Amino acid sequence: MKQPQRAEAHFAQFVESSTDSLLGTAFLLTRDRQAAEELVQDSLVALYPKWPQVQQADSPLAYVRRSLVNRFLSQRRRAITELPTAQLPETAGRADFAGVLADRDQLRQALIRLPDRQRAAVVLRYFHDYSDQQCAEALDCRIGTVRSLISRALAAMRGDPSWRDDLNHSSTQGVQQ
């Protein structure tokens, strides 16, 4: 009985320490606070029964994040187009890198306009500093596909008139190639 209790305690600790980061990722993907919360909750609920397996991964957070991205992409394939919301999630005074970047309206608008897989690749690469290999694993595709997705996403963002000027200035601190 000690093994299940340890896994349960580890799961509870993981949820407590990683929820803010997962919510940031989910919000960037879904563009909606409630949808982000549901996506994180659904992902964690689905992984709970196999938590000992998740716990043995090199990085449980990366494992859960990959599951979250896969669930998002699967839901989007089945879902009716949703309208983006203008409200950002409350940060409750916590410094969250993804939340800080999400507050930048121009970046948020540029991300909204990207197709789902391109948006997921950009979020993983630039918001979570995933390598091309890690992005490929999370998106279940080849490294070349990741590079193509990111290249097309950045080209689309550069072509966006509301975003173009900021990307072309050297002082830009946002997404860079």
Foldseek 3Di string as FASTA:
>chain_A
DVVLVVLVVVLVVCCVVCVVVQLLLLCLQPLDNVRSVVLLVVLSVVCSVVSVVLVPDPDSNLVSSLSSLVVSVVCVVVDDDDDHDPDDDDPVPDDDQSSVVCVPVLVSVLLVPAPNLLSNLCCCCFVVVDDLVSSCVSVVHDSVVSVVSPVVSVVSQCVPVSRVVLQPDPPRPGDDD
